[in-house]
Amino acid sequence: MNLTLMKASEIISEIEEIVKSISDGVNSKWRIGRADSASDAKEQHGDPNEWRDWDADSADEASEVVEYFVDKGMRKEGEGFGGASFVYIFFIGSPQEAL
Protein backbone atom coordinates (compact mmCIF):
# COMPACT_ATOMS: atom_id res chain seq x y z
CA MET A 1 0.00 0.00 0.00
CA ASN A 2 1.33 3.43 -0.99
CA LEU A 3 1.18 5.71 2.05
CA THR A 4 2.15 8.83 0.12
CA LEU A 5 -1.25 9.30 -1.54
CA MET A 6 -2.80 12.58 -0.47
CA LYS A 7 -6.24 14.15 -0.29
CA ALA A 8 -6.95 17.30 -2.28
CA SER A 9 -7.16 19.40 0.89
CA GLU A 10 -3.69 18.29 1.98
CA ILE A 11 -2.14 19.09 -1.40
CA ILE A 12 -3.92 22.47 -1.53
CA SER A 13 -2.55 23.36 1.89
CA GLU A 14 1.02 22.45 0.90
CA ILE A 15 0.82 24.34 -2.40
CA GLU A 16 -0.51 27.45 -0.65
CA GLU A 17 2.47 27.40 1.72
CA ILE A 18 4.96 26.97 -1.13
CA VAL A 19 3.43 29.77 -3.20
CA LYS A 20 3.36 32.04 -0.15
CA SER A 21 7.01 31.37 0.70
CA ILE A 22 8.46 31.63 -2.82
CA SER A 23 6.27 34.23 -4.56
CA ASP A 24 4.48 36.07 -1.74
CA GLY A 25 1.26 34.25 -2.60
CA VAL A 26 1.18 35.30 -6.27
CA ASN A 27 -0.44 32.34 -8.03
CA SER A 28 0.03 33.73 -11.54
CA LYS A 29 3.78 33.08 -11.29
CA TRP A 30 3.14 29.33 -11.20
CA ARG A 31 1.92 26.63 -13.56
CA ILE A 32 -0.13 23.65 -12.39
CA GLY A 33 -1.13 20.43 -14.08
CA ARG A 34 -1.93 16.74 -13.79
CA ALA A 35 0.16 13.92 -15.15
CA ASP A 36 0.33 10.16 -15.28
CA SER A 37 4.04 10.39 -14.41
CA ALA A 38 5.48 13.29 -12.42
CA SER A 39 9.02 12.57 -13.61
CA ASP A 40 7.97 12.52 -17.27
CA ALA A 41 6.07 15.79 -16.84
CA LYS A 42 9.07 17.42 -15.17
CA GLU A 43 11.31 16.37 -18.04
CA GLN A 44 8.78 17.63 -20.63
CA HIS A 45 8.83 21.04 -18.93
CA GLY A 46 12.62 21.32 -19.05
CA ASP A 47 13.37 20.12 -15.50
CA PRO A 48 12.43 23.38 -13.68
CA ASN A 49 14.28 24.19 -10.46
CA GLU A 50 11.19 25.13 -8.46
CA TRP A 51 9.20 21.96 -9.16
CA ARG A 52 6.94 20.14 -6.73
CA ASP A 53 4.64 17.17 -7.27
CA TRP A 54 2.20 15.10 -5.27
CA ASP A 55 0.46 11.77 -5.77
CA ALA A 56 -3.24 12.38 -5.13
CA ASP A 57 -5.61 9.69 -3.87
CA SER A 58 -7.36 9.73 -7.25
CA ALA A 59 -7.63 11.55 -10.57
CA ASP A 60 -10.71 13.32 -9.18
CA GLU A 61 -8.72 14.61 -6.19
CA ALA A 62 -5.97 15.78 -8.56
CA SER A 63 -8.53 17.59 -10.74
CA GLU A 64 -9.98 19.28 -7.68
CA VAL A 65 -6.55 20.68 -6.77
CA VAL A 66 -5.85 21.90 -10.30
CA GLU A 67 -9.22 23.62 -10.66
CA TYR A 68 -8.89 25.23 -7.21
CA PHE A 69 -5.63 26.92 -8.19
CA VAL A 70 -6.67 27.78 -11.75
CA ASP A 71 -9.61 29.65 -10.19
CA LYS A 72 -7.04 31.54 -8.07
CA GLY A 73 -4.99 32.59 -11.11
CA MET A 74 -2.46 29.79 -11.52
CA ARG A 75 -1.73 28.92 -15.15
CA LYS A 76 -2.97 25.51 -16.21
CA GLU A 77 -0.69 23.02 -17.91
CA GLY A 78 -1.30 19.51 -19.25
CA GLU A 79 -3.99 17.19 -18.00
CA GLY A 80 -2.43 13.82 -18.67
CA PHE A 81 -4.90 11.05 -19.40
CA GLY A 82 -8.15 10.31 -17.56
CA GLY A 83 -6.45 8.56 -14.65
CA ALA A 84 -3.70 11.15 -14.13
CA SER A 85 -3.37 11.42 -10.36
CA PHE A 86 -0.09 13.32 -10.03
CA VAL A 87 -0.41 17.05 -9.41
CA TYR A 88 2.58 19.24 -10.19
CA ILE A 89 3.47 22.89 -9.94
CA PHE A 90 6.47 24.85 -11.09
CA PHE A 91 7.56 28.46 -10.79
CA ILE A 92 7.65 30.59 -13.94
CA GLY A 93 8.16 34.03 -12.41
CA SER A 94 11.61 35.51 -12.83
CA PRO A 95 13.67 36.40 -9.75
CA GLN A 96 14.97 39.40 -11.76
CA GLU A 97 11.50 40.88 -12.19
CA ALA A 98 11.97 43.16 -9.19
CA LEU A 99 15.28 44.58 -10.50
PDB file of N, CA and C in Angstrom:
ATOM      1  N   MET A   1       0.843  -1.190   0.000  1.00  0.00           N
ATOM      2  CA  MET A   1       0.000   0.000   0.000  1.00  0.00           C
ATOM      3  C   MET A   1       0.885   1.250   0.000  1.00  0.00           C
ATOM      4  N   ASN A   2       0.564   2.187  -0.882  1.00  0.00           N
ATOM      5  CA  ASN A   2       1.327   3.429  -0.989  1.00  0.00           C
ATOM      6  C   ASN A   2       0.798   4.443   0.022  1.00  0.00           C
ATOM      7  N   LEU A   3       1.609   4.792   0.997  1.00  0.00           N
ATOM      8  CA  LEU A   3       1.176   5.705   2.052  1.00  0.00           C
ATOM      9  C   LEU A   3       1.386   7.171   1.687  1.00  0.00           C
ATOM     10  N   THR A   4       1.892   7.444   0.501  1.00  0.00           N
ATOM     11  CA  THR A   4       2.154   8.827   0.119  1.00  0.00           C
ATOM     12  C   THR A   4       0.984   9.471  -0.628  1.00  0.00           C
ATOM     13  N   LEU A   5      -0.089   8.722  -0.876  1.00  0.00           N
ATOM     14  CA  LEU A   5      -1.253   9.300  -1.538  1.00  0.00           C
ATOM     15  C   LEU A   5      -1.875  10.355  -0.636  1.00  0.00           C
ATOM     16  N   MET A   6      -2.306  11.459  -1.260  1.00  0.00           N
ATOM     17  CA  MET A   6      -2.801  12.581  -0.467  1.00  0.00           C
ATOM     18  C   MET A   6      -4.174  13.028  -0.925  1.00  0.00           C
ATOM     19  N   LYS A   7      -4.944  13.541  -0.002  1.00  0.00           N
ATOM     20  CA  LYS A   7      -6.243  14.146  -0.287  1.00  0.00           C
ATOM     21  C   LYS A   7      -6.031  15.517  -0.904  1.00  0.00           C
ATOM     22  N   ALA A   8      -7.026  15.984  -1.641  1.00  0.00           N
ATOM     23  CA  ALA A   8      -6.949  17.301  -2.284  1.00  0.00           C
ATOM     24  C   ALA A   8      -6.671  18.396  -1.261  1.00  0.00           C
ATOM     25  N   SER A   9      -7.332  18.346  -0.123  1.00  0.00           N
ATOM     26  CA  SER A   9      -7.165  19.403   0.887  1.00  0.00           C
ATOM     27  C   SER A   9      -5.730  19.463   1.412  1.00  0.00           C
ATOM     28  N   GLU A  10      -5.078  18.324   1.523  1.00  0.00           N
ATOM     29  CA  GLU A  10      -3.686  18.292   1.984  1.00  0.00           C
ATOM     30  C   GLU A  10      -2.750  18.904   0.941  1.00  0.00           C
ATOM     31  N   ILE A  11      -2.974  18.560  -0.318  1.00  0.00           N
ATOM     32  CA  ILE A  11      -2.144  19.094  -1.404  1.00  0.00           C
ATOM     33  C   ILE A  11      -2.356  20.598  -1.522  1.00  0.00           C
ATOM     34  N   ILE A  12      -3.606  21.042  -1.459  1.00  0.00           N
ATOM     35  CA  ILE A  12      -3.916  22.472  -1.534  1.00  0.00           C
ATOM     36  C   ILE A  12      -3.192  23.239  -0.430  1.00  0.00           C
ATOM     37  N   SER A  13      -3.220  22.716   0.764  1.00  0.00           N
ATOM     38  CA  SER A  13      -2.549  23.363   1.893  1.00  0.00           C
ATOM     39  C   SER A  13      -1.044  23.480   1.651  1.00  0.00           C
ATOM     40  N   GLU A  14      -0.424  22.423   1.166  1.00  0.00           N
ATOM     41  CA  GLU A  14       1.022  22.454   0.897  1.00  0.00           C
ATOM     42  C   GLU A  14       1.355  23.435  -0.224  1.00  0.00           C
ATOM     43  N   ILE A  15       0.557  23.427  -1.281  1.00  0.00           N
ATOM     44  CA  ILE A  15       0.818  24.342  -2.396  1.00  0.00           C
ATOM     45  C   ILE A  15       0.677  25.790  -1.938  1.00  0.00           C
ATOM     46  N   GLU A  16      -0.338  26.079  -1.142  1.00  0.00           N
ATOM     47  CA  GLU A  16      -0.515  27.447  -0.648  1.00  0.00           C
ATOM     48  C   GLU A  16       0.701  27.916   0.143  1.00  0.00           C
ATOM     49  N   GLU A  17       1.276  27.045   0.939  1.00  0.00           N
ATOM     50  CA  GLU A  17       2.473  27.403   1.719  1.00  0.00           C
ATOM     51  C   GLU A  17       3.677  27.651   0.808  1.00  0.00           C
ATOM     52  N   ILE A  18       3.841  26.810  -0.195  1.00  0.00           N
ATOM     53  CA  ILE A  18       4.961  26.967  -1.131  1.00  0.00           C
ATOM     54  C   ILE A  18       4.835  28.281  -1.894  1.00  0.00           C
ATOM     55  N   VAL A  19       3.649  28.550  -2.426  1.00  0.00           N
ATOM     56  CA  VAL A  19       3.425  29.770  -3.204  1.00  0.00           C
ATOM     57  C   VAL A  19       3.638  31.003  -2.323  1.00  0.00           C
ATOM     58  N   LYS A  20       3.181  30.922  -1.090  1.00  0.00           N
ATOM     59  CA  LYS A  20       3.362  32.042  -0.151  1.00  0.00           C
ATOM     60  C   LYS A  20       4.845  32.281   0.131  1.00  0.00           C
ATOM     61  N   SER A  21       5.605  31.212   0.325  1.00  0.00           N
ATOM     62  CA  SER A  21       7.013  31.373   0.702  1.00  0.00           C
ATOM     63  C   SER A  21       7.905  31.780  -0.463  1.00  0.00           C
ATOM     64  N   ILE A  22       7.579  31.354  -1.678  1.00  0.00           N
ATOM     65  CA  ILE A  22       8.456  31.626  -2.822  1.00  0.00           C
ATOM     66  C   ILE A  22       8.034  32.872  -3.596  1.00  0.00           C
ATOM     67  N   SER A  23       6.728  33.109  -3.717  1.00  0.00           N
ATOM     68  CA  SER A  23       6.269  34.226  -4.557  1.00  0.00           C
ATOM     69  C   SER A  23       5.269  35.136  -3.841  1.00  0.00           C
ATOM     70  N   ASP A  24       5.367  35.214  -2.519  1.00  0.00           N
ATOM     71  CA  ASP A  24       4.481  36.073  -1.736  1.00  0.00           C
ATOM     72  C   ASP A  24       3.009  35.836  -2.048  1.00  0.00           C
ATOM     73  N   GLY A  25       2.650  34.603  -2.357  1.00  0.00           N
ATOM     74  CA  GLY A  25       1.256  34.250  -2.597  1.00  0.00           C
ATOM     75  C   GLY A  25       0.741  34.581  -3.988  1.00  0.00           C
ATOM     76  N   VAL A  26       1.618  34.949  -4.906  1.00  0.00           N
ATOM     77  CA  VAL A  26       1.185  35.305  -6.267  1.00  0.00           C
ATOM     78  C   VAL A  26       1.056  34.029  -7.100  1.00  0.00           C
ATOM     79  N   ASN A  27      -0.181  33.585  -7.300  1.00  0.00           N
ATOM     80  CA  ASN A  27      -0.437  32.338  -8.027  1.00  0.00           C
ATOM     81  C   ASN A  27      -0.102  32.424  -9.504  1.00  0.00           C
ATOM     82  N   SER A  28      -0.180  33.604 -10.097  1.00  0.00           N
ATOM     83  CA  SER A  28       0.033  33.732 -11.542  1.00  0.00           C
ATOM     84  C   SER A  28       1.483  33.479 -11.952  1.00  0.00           C
ATOM     85  N   LYS A  29       2.376  33.377 -10.987  1.00  0.00           N
ATOM     86  CA  LYS A  29       3.784  33.081 -11.294  1.00  0.00           C
ATOM     87  C   LYS A  29       4.064  31.576 -11.316  1.00  0.00           C
ATOM     88  N   TRP A  30       3.012  30.784 -11.256  1.00  0.00           N
ATOM     89  CA  TRP A  30       3.139  29.333 -11.204  1.00  0.00           C
ATOM     90  C   TRP A  30       2.312  28.682 -12.288  1.00  0.00           C
ATOM     91  N   ARG A  31       2.711  27.490 -12.680  1.00  0.00           N
ATOM     92  CA  ARG A  31       1.916  26.631 -13.556  1.00  0.00           C
ATOM     93  C   ARG A  31       1.538  25.379 -12.759  1.00  0.00           C
ATOM     94  N   ILE A  32       0.371  24.846 -13.077  1.00  0.00           N
ATOM     95  CA  ILE A  32      -0.128  23.649 -12.393  1.00  0.00           C
ATOM     96  C   ILE A  32      -0.707  22.697 -13.423  1.00  0.00           C
ATOM     97  N   GLY A  33      -0.566  21.415 -13.173  1.00  0.00           N
ATOM     98  CA  GLY A  33      -1.133  20.431 -14.083  1.00  0.00           C
ATOM     99  C   GLY A  33      -1.256  19.068 -13.430  1.00  0.00           C
ATOM    100  N   ARG A  34      -1.817  18.141 -14.206  1.00  0.00           N
ATOM    101  CA  ARG A  34      -1.931  16.744 -13.787  1.00  0.00           C
ATOM    102  C   ARG A  34      -1.144  15.903 -14.768  1.00  0.00           C
ATOM    103  N   ALA A  35      -0.615  14.808 -14.284  1.00  0.00           N
ATOM    104  CA  ALA A  35       0.157  13.919 -15.150  1.00  0.00           C
ATOM    105  C   ALA A  35       0.024  12.482 -14.682  1.00  0.00           C
ATOM    106  N   ASP A  36       0.287  11.581 -15.614  1.00  0.00           N
ATOM    107  CA  ASP A  36       0.334  10.157 -15.279  1.00  0.00           C
ATOM    108  C   ASP A  36       1.663   9.822 -14.611  1.00  0.00           C
ATOM    109  N   SER A  37       2.698  10.589 -14.955  1.00  0.00           N
ATOM    110  CA  SER A  37       4.036  10.391 -14.406  1.00  0.00           C
ATOM    111  C   SER A  37       4.642  11.755 -14.091  1.00  0.00           C
ATOM    112  N   ALA A  38       4.910  12.007 -12.823  1.00  0.00           N
ATOM    113  CA  ALA A  38       5.482  13.292 -12.422  1.00  0.00           C
ATOM    114  C   ALA A  38       6.872  13.489 -13.020  1.00  0.00           C
ATOM    115  N   SER A  39       7.661  12.431 -13.078  1.00  0.00           N
ATOM    116  CA  SER A  39       9.023  12.568 -13.608  1.00  0.00           C
ATOM    117  C   SER A  39       9.003  12.869 -15.107  1.00  0.00           C
ATOM    118  N   ASP A  40       8.087  12.232 -15.844  1.00  0.00           N
ATOM    119  CA  ASP A  40       7.971  12.521 -17.273  1.00  0.00           C
ATOM    120  C   ASP A  40       7.518  13.956 -17.501  1.00  0.00           C
ATOM    121  N   ALA A  41       6.559  14.417 -16.707  1.00  0.00           N
ATOM    122  CA  ALA A  41       6.067  15.793 -16.840  1.00  0.00           C
ATOM    123  C   ALA A  41       7.179  16.788 -16.549  1.00  0.00           C
ATOM    124  N   LYS A  42       7.964  16.519 -15.518  1.00  0.00           N
ATOM    125  CA  LYS A  42       9.065  17.418 -15.171  1.00  0.00           C
ATOM    126  C   LYS A  42      10.065  17.515 -16.323  1.00  0.00           C
ATOM    127  N   GLU A  43      10.378  16.391 -16.911  1.00  0.00           N
ATOM    128  CA  GLU A  43      11.311  16.370 -18.038  1.00  0.00           C
ATOM    129  C   GLU A  43      10.729  17.133 -19.234  1.00  0.00           C
ATOM    130  N   GLN A  44       9.438  16.944 -19.501  1.00  0.00           N
ATOM    131  CA  GLN A  44       8.780  17.629 -20.626  1.00  0.00           C
ATOM    132  C   GLN A  44       8.797  19.145 -20.453  1.00  0.00           C
ATOM    133  N   HIS A  45       8.825  19.606 -19.212  1.00  0.00           N
ATOM    134  CA  HIS A  45       8.832  21.043 -18.934  1.00  0.00           C
ATOM    135  C   HIS A  45      10.238  21.592 -18.714  1.00  0.00           C
ATOM    136  N   GLY A  46      11.244  20.835 -19.094  1.00  0.00           N
ATOM    137  CA  GLY A  46      12.615  21.318 -19.046  1.00  0.00           C
ATOM    138  C   GLY A  46      13.266  21.233 -17.687  1.00  0.00           C
ATOM    139  N   ASP A  47      12.776  20.348 -16.822  1.00  0.00           N
ATOM    140  CA  ASP A  47      13.373  20.117 -15.501  1.00  0.00           C
ATOM    141  C   ASP A  47      13.500  21.414 -14.687  1.00  0.00           C
ATOM    142  N   PRO A  48      12.375  22.113 -14.432  1.00  0.00           N
ATOM    143  CA  PRO A  48      12.430  23.383 -13.684  1.00  0.00           C
ATOM    144  C   PRO A  48      13.002  23.210 -12.276  1.00  0.00           C
ATOM    145  N   ASN A  49      13.704  24.228 -11.804  1.00  0.00           N
ATOM    146  CA  ASN A  49      14.281  24.190 -10.457  1.00  0.00           C
ATOM    147  C   ASN A  49      13.209  24.160  -9.375  1.00  0.00           C
ATOM    148  N   GLU A  50      12.245  25.052  -9.471  1.00  0.00           N
ATOM    149  CA  GLU A  50      11.186  25.129  -8.459  1.00  0.00           C
ATOM    150  C   GLU A  50      10.018  24.255  -8.865  1.00  0.00           C
ATOM    151  N   TRP A  51      10.194  22.966  -8.781  1.00  0.00           N
ATOM    152  CA  TRP A  51       9.199  21.955  -9.159  1.00  0.00           C
ATOM    153  C   TRP A  51       8.760  21.204  -7.923  1.00  0.00           C
ATOM    154  N   ARG A  52       7.467  20.979  -7.797  1.00  0.00           N
ATOM    155  CA  ARG A  52       6.938  20.136  -6.728  1.00  0.00           C
ATOM    156  C   ARG A  52       5.867  19.247  -7.336  1.00  0.00           C
ATOM    157  N   ASP A  53       5.732  18.035  -6.814  1.00  0.00           N
ATOM    158  CA  ASP A  53       4.639  17.174  -7.266  1.00  0.00           C
ATOM    159  C   ASP A  53       4.127  16.315  -6.119  1.00  0.00           C
ATOM    160  N   TRP A  54       2.891  15.896  -6.274  1.00  0.00           N
ATOM    161  CA  TRP A  54       2.200  15.099  -5.272  1.00  0.00           C
ATOM    162  C   TRP A  54       1.434  13.999  -5.964  1.00  0.00           C
ATOM    163  N   ASP A  55       1.266  12.869  -5.274  1.00  0.00           N
ATOM    164  CA  ASP A  55       0.457  11.770  -5.775  1.00  0.00           C
ATOM    165  C   ASP A  55      -0.878  11.818  -5.034  1.00  0.00           C
ATOM    166  N   ALA A  56      -1.911  12.258  -5.736  1.00  0.00           N
ATOM    167  CA  ALA A  56      -3.235  12.383  -5.127  1.00  0.00           C
ATOM    168  C   ALA A  56      -3.884  11.006  -4.981  1.00  0.00           C
ATOM    169  N   ASP A  57      -4.867  10.934  -4.095  1.00  0.00           N
ATOM    170  CA  ASP A  57      -5.612   9.693  -3.873  1.00  0.00           C
ATOM    171  C   ASP A  57      -6.272   9.183  -5.150  1.00  0.00           C
ATOM    172  N   SER A  58      -6.662  10.105  -6.026  1.00  0.00           N
ATOM    173  CA  SER A  58      -7.361   9.728  -7.251  1.00  0.00           C
ATOM    174  C   SER A  58      -7.229  10.846  -8.281  1.00  0.00           C
ATOM    175  N   ALA A  59      -7.618  10.527  -9.512  1.00  0.00           N
ATOM    176  CA  ALA A  59      -7.629  11.547 -10.565  1.00  0.00           C
ATOM    177  C   ALA A  59      -8.624  12.660 -10.219  1.00  0.00           C
ATOM    178  N   ASP A  60      -9.722  12.313  -9.579  1.00  0.00           N
ATOM    179  CA  ASP A  60     -10.708  13.322  -9.178  1.00  0.00           C
ATOM    180  C   ASP A  60     -10.125  14.287  -8.154  1.00  0.00           C
ATOM    181  N   GLU A  61      -9.371  13.751  -7.198  1.00  0.00           N
ATOM    182  CA  GLU A  61      -8.721  14.609  -6.192  1.00  0.00           C
ATOM    183  C   GLU A  61      -7.708  15.530  -6.878  1.00  0.00           C
ATOM    184  N   ALA A  62      -6.956  14.985  -7.831  1.00  0.00           N
ATOM    185  CA  ALA A  62      -5.971  15.784  -8.558  1.00  0.00           C
ATOM    186  C   ALA A  62      -6.662  16.900  -9.340  1.00  0.00           C
ATOM    187  N   SER A  63      -7.770  16.575  -9.994  1.00  0.00           N
ATOM    188  CA  SER A  63      -8.528  17.590 -10.744  1.00  0.00           C
ATOM    189  C   SER A  63      -9.043  18.682  -9.836  1.00  0.00           C
ATOM    190  N   GLU A  64      -9.485  18.306  -8.654  1.00  0.00           N
ATOM    191  CA  GLU A  64      -9.984  19.282  -7.682  1.00  0.00           C
ATOM    192  C   GLU A  64      -8.888  20.288  -7.317  1.00  0.00           C
ATOM    193  N   VAL A  65      -7.682  19.807  -7.108  1.00  0.00           N
ATOM    194  CA  VAL A  65      -6.548  20.682  -6.768  1.00  0.00           C
ATOM    195  C   VAL A  65      -6.247  21.634  -7.924  1.00  0.00           C
ATOM    196  N   VAL A  66      -6.165  21.085  -9.129  1.00  0.00           N
ATOM    197  CA  VAL A  66      -5.848  21.900 -10.299  1.00  0.00           C
ATOM    198  C   VAL A  66      -6.895  22.991 -10.487  1.00  0.00           C
ATOM    199  N   GLU A  67      -8.154  22.632 -10.444  1.00  0.00           N
ATOM    200  CA  GLU A  67      -9.221  23.622 -10.659  1.00  0.00           C
ATOM    201  C   GLU A  67      -9.238  24.676  -9.559  1.00  0.00           C
ATOM    202  N   TYR A  68      -8.950  24.281  -8.328  1.00  0.00           N
ATOM    203  CA  TYR A  68      -8.894  25.230  -7.212  1.00  0.00           C
ATOM    204  C   TYR A  68      -7.874  26.332  -7.501  1.00  0.00           C
ATOM    205  N   PHE A  69      -6.686  25.931  -7.964  1.00  0.00           N
ATOM    206  CA  PHE A  69      -5.632  26.924  -8.195  1.00  0.00           C
ATOM    207  C   PHE A  69      -5.796  27.675  -9.510  1.00  0.00           C
ATOM    208  N   VAL A  70      -6.376  27.061 -10.508  1.00  0.00           N
ATOM    209  CA  VAL A  70      -6.671  27.778 -11.747  1.00  0.00           C
ATOM    210  C   VAL A  70      -7.660  28.915 -11.431  1.00  0.00           C
ATOM    211  N   ASP A  71      -8.651  28.632 -10.597  1.00  0.00           N
ATOM    212  CA  ASP A  71      -9.612  29.655 -10.187  1.00  0.00           C
ATOM    213  C   ASP A  71      -8.938  30.797  -9.428  1.00  0.00           C
ATOM    214  N   LYS A  72      -7.783  30.524  -8.819  1.00  0.00           N
ATOM    215  CA  LYS A  72      -7.041  31.544  -8.073  1.00  0.00           C
ATOM    216  C   LYS A  72      -5.953  32.215  -8.923  1.00  0.00           C
ATOM    217  N   GLY A  73      -5.907  31.899 -10.222  1.00  0.00           N
ATOM    218  CA  GLY A  73      -4.990  32.593 -11.114  1.00  0.00           C
ATOM    219  C   GLY A  73      -3.753  31.835 -11.537  1.00  0.00           C
ATOM    220  N   MET A  74      -3.605  30.580 -11.092  1.00  0.00           N
ATOM    221  CA  MET A  74      -2.461  29.789 -11.519  1.00  0.00           C
ATOM    222  C   MET A  74      -2.680  29.372 -12.974  1.00  0.00           C
ATOM    223  N   ARG A  75      -1.623  29.279 -13.730  1.00  0.00           N
ATOM    224  CA  ARG A  75      -1.725  28.916 -15.146  1.00  0.00           C
ATOM    225  C   ARG A  75      -1.772  27.400 -15.305  1.00  0.00           C
ATOM    226  N   LYS A  76      -2.737  26.949 -16.065  1.00  0.00           N
ATOM    227  CA  LYS A  76      -2.970  25.510 -16.213  1.00  0.00           C
ATOM    228  C   LYS A  76      -2.092  24.913 -17.296  1.00  0.00           C
ATOM    229  N   GLU A  77      -1.512  23.778 -16.972  1.00  0.00           N
ATOM    230  CA  GLU A  77      -0.688  23.018 -17.907  1.00  0.00           C
ATOM    231  C   GLU A  77      -1.441  21.762 -18.323  1.00  0.00           C
ATOM    232  N   GLY A  78      -0.720  20.756 -18.753  1.00  0.00           N
ATOM    233  CA  GLY A  78      -1.302  19.511 -19.248  1.00  0.00           C
ATOM    234  C   GLY A  78      -2.198  18.803 -18.258  1.00  0.00           C
ATOM    235  N   GLU A  79      -3.044  17.953 -18.804  1.00  0.00           N
ATOM    236  CA  GLU A  79      -3.985  17.194 -18.000  1.00  0.00           C
ATOM    237  C   GLU A  79      -3.663  15.713 -17.934  1.00  0.00           C
ATOM    238  N   GLY A  80      -2.692  15.247 -18.661  1.00  0.00           N
ATOM    239  CA  GLY A  80      -2.431  13.816 -18.672  1.00  0.00           C
ATOM    240  C   GLY A  80      -3.635  13.087 -19.232  1.00  0.00           C
ATOM    241  N   PHE A  81      -3.754  11.818 -18.941  1.00  0.00           N
ATOM    242  CA  PHE A  81      -4.904  11.048 -19.401  1.00  0.00           C
ATOM    243  C   PHE A  81      -5.925  10.976 -18.282  1.00  0.00           C
ATOM    244  N   GLY A  82      -7.052  10.349 -18.516  1.00  0.00           N
ATOM    245  CA  GLY A  82      -8.154  10.308 -17.561  1.00  0.00           C
ATOM    246  C   GLY A  82      -7.763   9.938 -16.143  1.00  0.00           C
ATOM    247  N   GLY A  83      -6.814   9.016 -15.984  1.00  0.00           N
ATOM    248  CA  GLY A  83      -6.445   8.558 -14.653  1.00  0.00           C
ATOM    249  C   GLY A  83      -5.258   9.277 -14.049  1.00  0.00           C
ATOM    250  N   ALA A  84      -4.887  10.429 -14.600  1.00  0.00           N
ATOM    251  CA  ALA A  84      -3.698  11.151 -14.134  1.00  0.00           C
ATOM    252  C   ALA A  84      -3.911  11.642 -12.703  1.00  0.00           C
ATOM    253  N   SER A  85      -3.171  11.074 -11.766  1.00  0.00           N
ATOM    254  CA  SER A  85      -3.372  11.417 -10.360  1.00  0.00           C
ATOM    255  C   SER A  85      -2.214  12.205  -9.758  1.00  0.00           C
ATOM    256  N   PHE A  86      -1.174  12.475 -10.540  1.00  0.00           N
ATOM    257  CA  PHE A  86      -0.093  13.316 -10.034  1.00  0.00           C
ATOM    258  C   PHE A  86      -0.440  14.778 -10.297  1.00  0.00           C
ATOM    259  N   VAL A  87      -0.259  15.603  -9.273  1.00  0.00           N
ATOM    260  CA  VAL A  87      -0.415  17.055  -9.407  1.00  0.00           C
ATOM    261  C   VAL A  87       0.985  17.636  -9.349  1.00  0.00           C
ATOM    262  N   TYR A  88       1.273  18.589 -10.233  1.00  0.00           N
ATOM    263  CA  TYR A  88       2.577  19.237 -10.186  1.00  0.00           C
ATOM    264  C   TYR A  88       2.419  20.744 -10.332  1.00  0.00           C
ATOM    265  N   ILE A  89       3.378  21.449  -9.756  1.00  0.00           N
ATOM    266  CA  ILE A  89       3.471  22.894  -9.940  1.00  0.00           C
ATOM    267  C   ILE A  89       4.923  23.233 -10.239  1.00  0.00           C
ATOM    268  N   PHE A  90       5.122  24.325 -10.950  1.00  0.00           N
ATOM    269  CA  PHE A  90       6.466  24.855 -11.091  1.00  0.00           C
ATOM    270  C   PHE A  90       6.400  26.358 -11.265  1.00  0.00           C
ATOM    271  N   PHE A  91       7.462  27.003 -10.828  1.00  0.00           N
ATOM    272  CA  PHE A  91       7.560  28.461 -10.792  1.00  0.00           C
ATOM    273  C   PHE A  91       7.998  28.984 -12.146  1.00  0.00           C
ATOM    274  N   ILE A  92       7.281  29.988 -12.657  1.00  0.00           N
ATOM    275  CA  ILE A  92       7.649  30.591 -13.942  1.00  0.00           C
ATOM    276  C   ILE A  92       8.029  32.052 -13.808  1.00  0.00           C
ATOM    277  N   GLY A  93       7.788  32.630 -12.626  1.00  0.00           N
ATOM    278  CA  GLY A  93       8.159  34.025 -12.409  1.00  0.00           C
ATOM    279  C   GLY A  93       9.665  34.162 -12.360  1.00  0.00           C
ATOM    280  N   SER A  94      10.166  35.292 -12.809  1.00  0.00           N
ATOM    281  CA  SER A  94      11.612  35.513 -12.835  1.00  0.00           C
ATOM    282  C   SER A  94      12.075  36.221 -11.585  1.00  0.00           C
ATOM    283  N   PRO A  95      13.130  35.719 -10.928  1.00  0.00           N
ATOM    284  CA  PRO A  95      13.671  36.400  -9.752  1.00  0.00           C
ATOM    285  C   PRO A  95      14.164  37.812 -10.088  1.00  0.00           C
ATOM    286  N   GLN A  96      14.480  38.075 -11.351  1.00  0.00           N
ATOM    287  CA  GLN A  96      14.975  39.395 -11.757  1.00  0.00           C
ATOM    288  C   GLN A  96      13.852  40.389 -11.997  1.00  0.00           C
ATOM    289  N   GLU A  97      12.611  39.989 -11.905  1.00  0.00           N
ATOM    290  CA  GLU A  97      11.502  40.884 -12.186  1.00  0.00           C
ATOM    291  C   GLU A  97      11.534  42.156 -11.346  1.00  0.00           C
ATOM    292  N   ALA A  98      11.982  42.027 -10.110  1.00  0.00           N
ATOM    293  CA  ALA A  98      11.973  43.164  -9.187  1.00  0.00           C
ATOM    294  C   ALA A  98      13.146  44.121  -9.427  1.00  0.00           C
ATOM    295  N   LEU A  99      14.116  43.745 -10.248  1.00  0.00           N
ATOM    296  CA  LEU A  99      15.277  44.582 -10.499  1.00  0.00           C
ATOM    297  C   LEU A  99      14.984  45.744 -11.417  1.00  0.00           C
TER     298      LEU A  99
END
